[in-house]
């Protein structure tokens, strides 16, 4: 004969709600594979706050840039865009401009990252 435990337990008669719950349960179990594990909830991810960076230089932003930037020890597009609240492409343009005017001097030039320092600083 067969082992008793291999058989399914007798069905319990259910009302309408019981049937729906059972159906939903079965459907869920099908989706999850195991049926016992809780479904993984995806986190929304870390949202970086949007900063409203300037896209064009107006007069006072450009003046502020010319006044402040030559005093920084480390000058990169990312530093400028962070402190001046402008986007990085503007920062790169501004740095080229300041370099041509001799206000800052390049330390390292690379296709993607340029690093400058202040021109007045003797030998740093």
Protein backbone atom coordinates (compact mmCIF):
# COMPACT_ATOMS: atom_id res chain seq x y z
CA UNK A 1 0.00 0.00 0.00
CA UNK A 2 0.88 3.63 -0.21
CA UNK A 3 2.17 5.74 2.64
CA UNK A 4 -0.59 7.75 4.28
CA UNK A 5 1.41 11.01 4.40
CA UNK A 6 1.88 11.16 0.62
CA UNK A 7 -1.83 11.84 0.07
CA UNK A 8 -3.23 15.33 0.14
CA UNK A 9 -5.44 16.18 3.12
CA UNK A 10 -9.16 16.08 2.45
CA UNK A 11 -10.56 19.29 0.93
CA UNK A 12 -12.36 21.58 3.29
CA UNK A 13 -15.56 22.96 1.79
CA UNK A 14 -15.20 26.72 1.39
CA UNK A 15 -17.50 29.64 1.03
CA UNK A 16 -17.10 32.20 -1.75
CA UNK A 17 -14.45 34.24 0.10
CA UNK A 18 -12.47 31.15 1.02
CA UNK A 19 -12.35 30.14 -2.64
CA UNK A 20 -11.11 33.56 -3.74
CA UNK A 21 -8.45 33.60 -1.04
CA UNK A 22 -7.31 30.12 -2.00
CA UNK A 23 -7.15 31.10 -5.67
CA UNK A 24 -5.15 34.22 -4.87
CA UNK A 25 -2.82 32.17 -2.67
CA UNK A 26 -2.28 29.61 -5.41
CA UNK A 27 -1.62 32.33 -7.95
CA UNK A 28 0.92 34.01 -5.64
CA UNK A 29 2.62 30.72 -4.95
CA UNK A 30 2.93 30.17 -8.70
CA UNK A 31 4.55 33.56 -9.16
CA UNK A 32 7.06 33.19 -6.36
CA UNK A 33 8.18 29.69 -7.14
CA UNK A 34 8.52 28.49 -3.55
CA UNK A 35 5.32 30.04 -2.37
CA UNK A 36 6.63 30.36 1.17
CA UNK A 37 9.18 33.14 0.65
CA UNK A 38 7.99 36.75 0.90
CA UNK A 39 8.10 38.60 -2.39
CA UNK A 40 11.12 40.91 -2.57
CA UNK A 41 10.20 44.56 -2.33
CA UNK A 42 12.37 46.77 -4.51
CA UNK A 43 13.63 49.88 -2.82
CA UNK A 44 13.00 53.11 -4.66
CA UNK A 45 16.76 53.69 -4.87
CA UNK A 46 18.61 56.68 -3.51
CA UNK A 47 17.34 59.82 -5.18
CA UNK A 48 19.93 62.48 -5.78
CA UNK A 49 18.40 65.86 -5.17
CA UNK A 50 18.11 67.94 -8.32
CA UNK A 51 20.17 71.09 -8.12
CA UNK A 52 19.16 73.88 -10.39
CA UNK A 53 22.46 74.59 -12.07
CA UNK A 54 22.85 77.70 -14.16
CA UNK A 55 23.22 77.08 -17.89
CA UNK A 56 24.44 80.51 -18.99
CA UNK A 57 26.83 82.98 -17.41
CA UNK A 58 25.19 86.19 -16.42
CA UNK A 59 27.25 89.22 -15.45
CA UNK A 60 27.37 88.69 -11.67
CA UNK A 61 28.02 84.95 -11.89
CA UNK A 62 30.96 85.59 -14.19
CA UNK A 63 32.31 88.34 -11.93
CA UNK A 64 31.98 86.08 -8.90
CA UNK A 65 33.81 83.35 -10.81
CA UNK A 66 36.67 85.66 -11.80
CA UNK A 67 36.93 86.95 -8.23
CA UNK A 68 36.76 83.64 -6.30
CA UNK A 69 38.21 80.93 -8.50
CA UNK A 70 41.81 82.23 -8.76
CA UNK A 71 42.03 81.90 -4.95
CA UNK A 72 41.16 78.19 -4.85
CA UNK A 73 44.06 75.83 -4.33
CA UNK A 74 42.44 73.05 -6.36
CA UNK A 75 40.49 74.10 -9.42
CA UNK A 76 38.57 71.54 -11.46
CA UNK A 77 35.32 71.75 -13.44
CA UNK A 78 33.56 69.73 -10.76
CA UNK A 79 34.70 72.07 -7.98
CA UNK A 80 33.51 75.09 -9.96
CA UNK A 81 30.13 73.60 -10.85
CA UNK A 82 29.62 72.62 -7.21
CA UNK A 83 30.46 76.01 -5.72
CA UNK A 84 29.12 78.29 -8.46
CA UNK A 85 25.97 76.23 -9.05
CA UNK A 86 26.62 76.08 -12.77
CA UNK A 87 26.84 73.01 -14.99
CA UNK A 88 30.17 71.37 -15.75
CA UNK A 89 30.37 72.36 -19.42
CA UNK A 90 30.16 76.01 -18.34
CA UNK A 91 32.83 75.38 -15.76
CA UNK A 92 35.17 73.90 -18.38
CA UNK A 93 34.68 76.92 -20.65
CA UNK A 94 35.29 79.31 -17.79
CA UNK A 95 38.50 77.55 -16.80
CA UNK A 96 39.85 77.74 -20.36
CA UNK A 97 39.02 81.42 -20.32
CA UNK A 98 40.75 82.05 -16.99
CA UNK A 99 43.78 80.12 -18.17
CA UNK A 100 44.06 82.25 -21.32
CA UNK A 101 43.91 85.35 -19.13
CA UNK A 102 46.69 83.90 -16.98
CA UNK A 103 44.63 83.89 -13.77
CA UNK A 104 45.09 80.16 -13.15
CA UNK A 105 47.68 77.63 -14.28
CA UNK A 106 47.13 74.04 -15.43
CA UNK A 107 48.68 71.19 -13.45
CA UNK A 108 47.30 68.26 -15.41
CA UNK A 109 45.35 68.18 -18.63
CA UNK A 110 43.45 65.09 -19.66
CA UNK A 111 40.69 64.57 -22.19
CA UNK A 112 38.11 64.22 -19.44
CA UNK A 113 39.54 65.93 -16.37
CA UNK A 114 41.62 69.08 -16.11
CA UNK A 115 43.20 70.23 -12.88
CA UNK A 116 44.38 73.79 -12.34
CA UNK A 117 45.82 75.71 -9.42
CA UNK A 118 46.07 79.41 -8.64
CA UNK A 119 48.65 81.24 -10.69
CA UNK A 120 49.96 83.43 -7.84
CA UNK A 121 50.90 80.49 -5.61
CA UNK A 122 54.70 80.37 -5.81
CA UNK A 123 55.77 76.73 -5.85
CA UNK A 124 53.14 74.40 -4.47
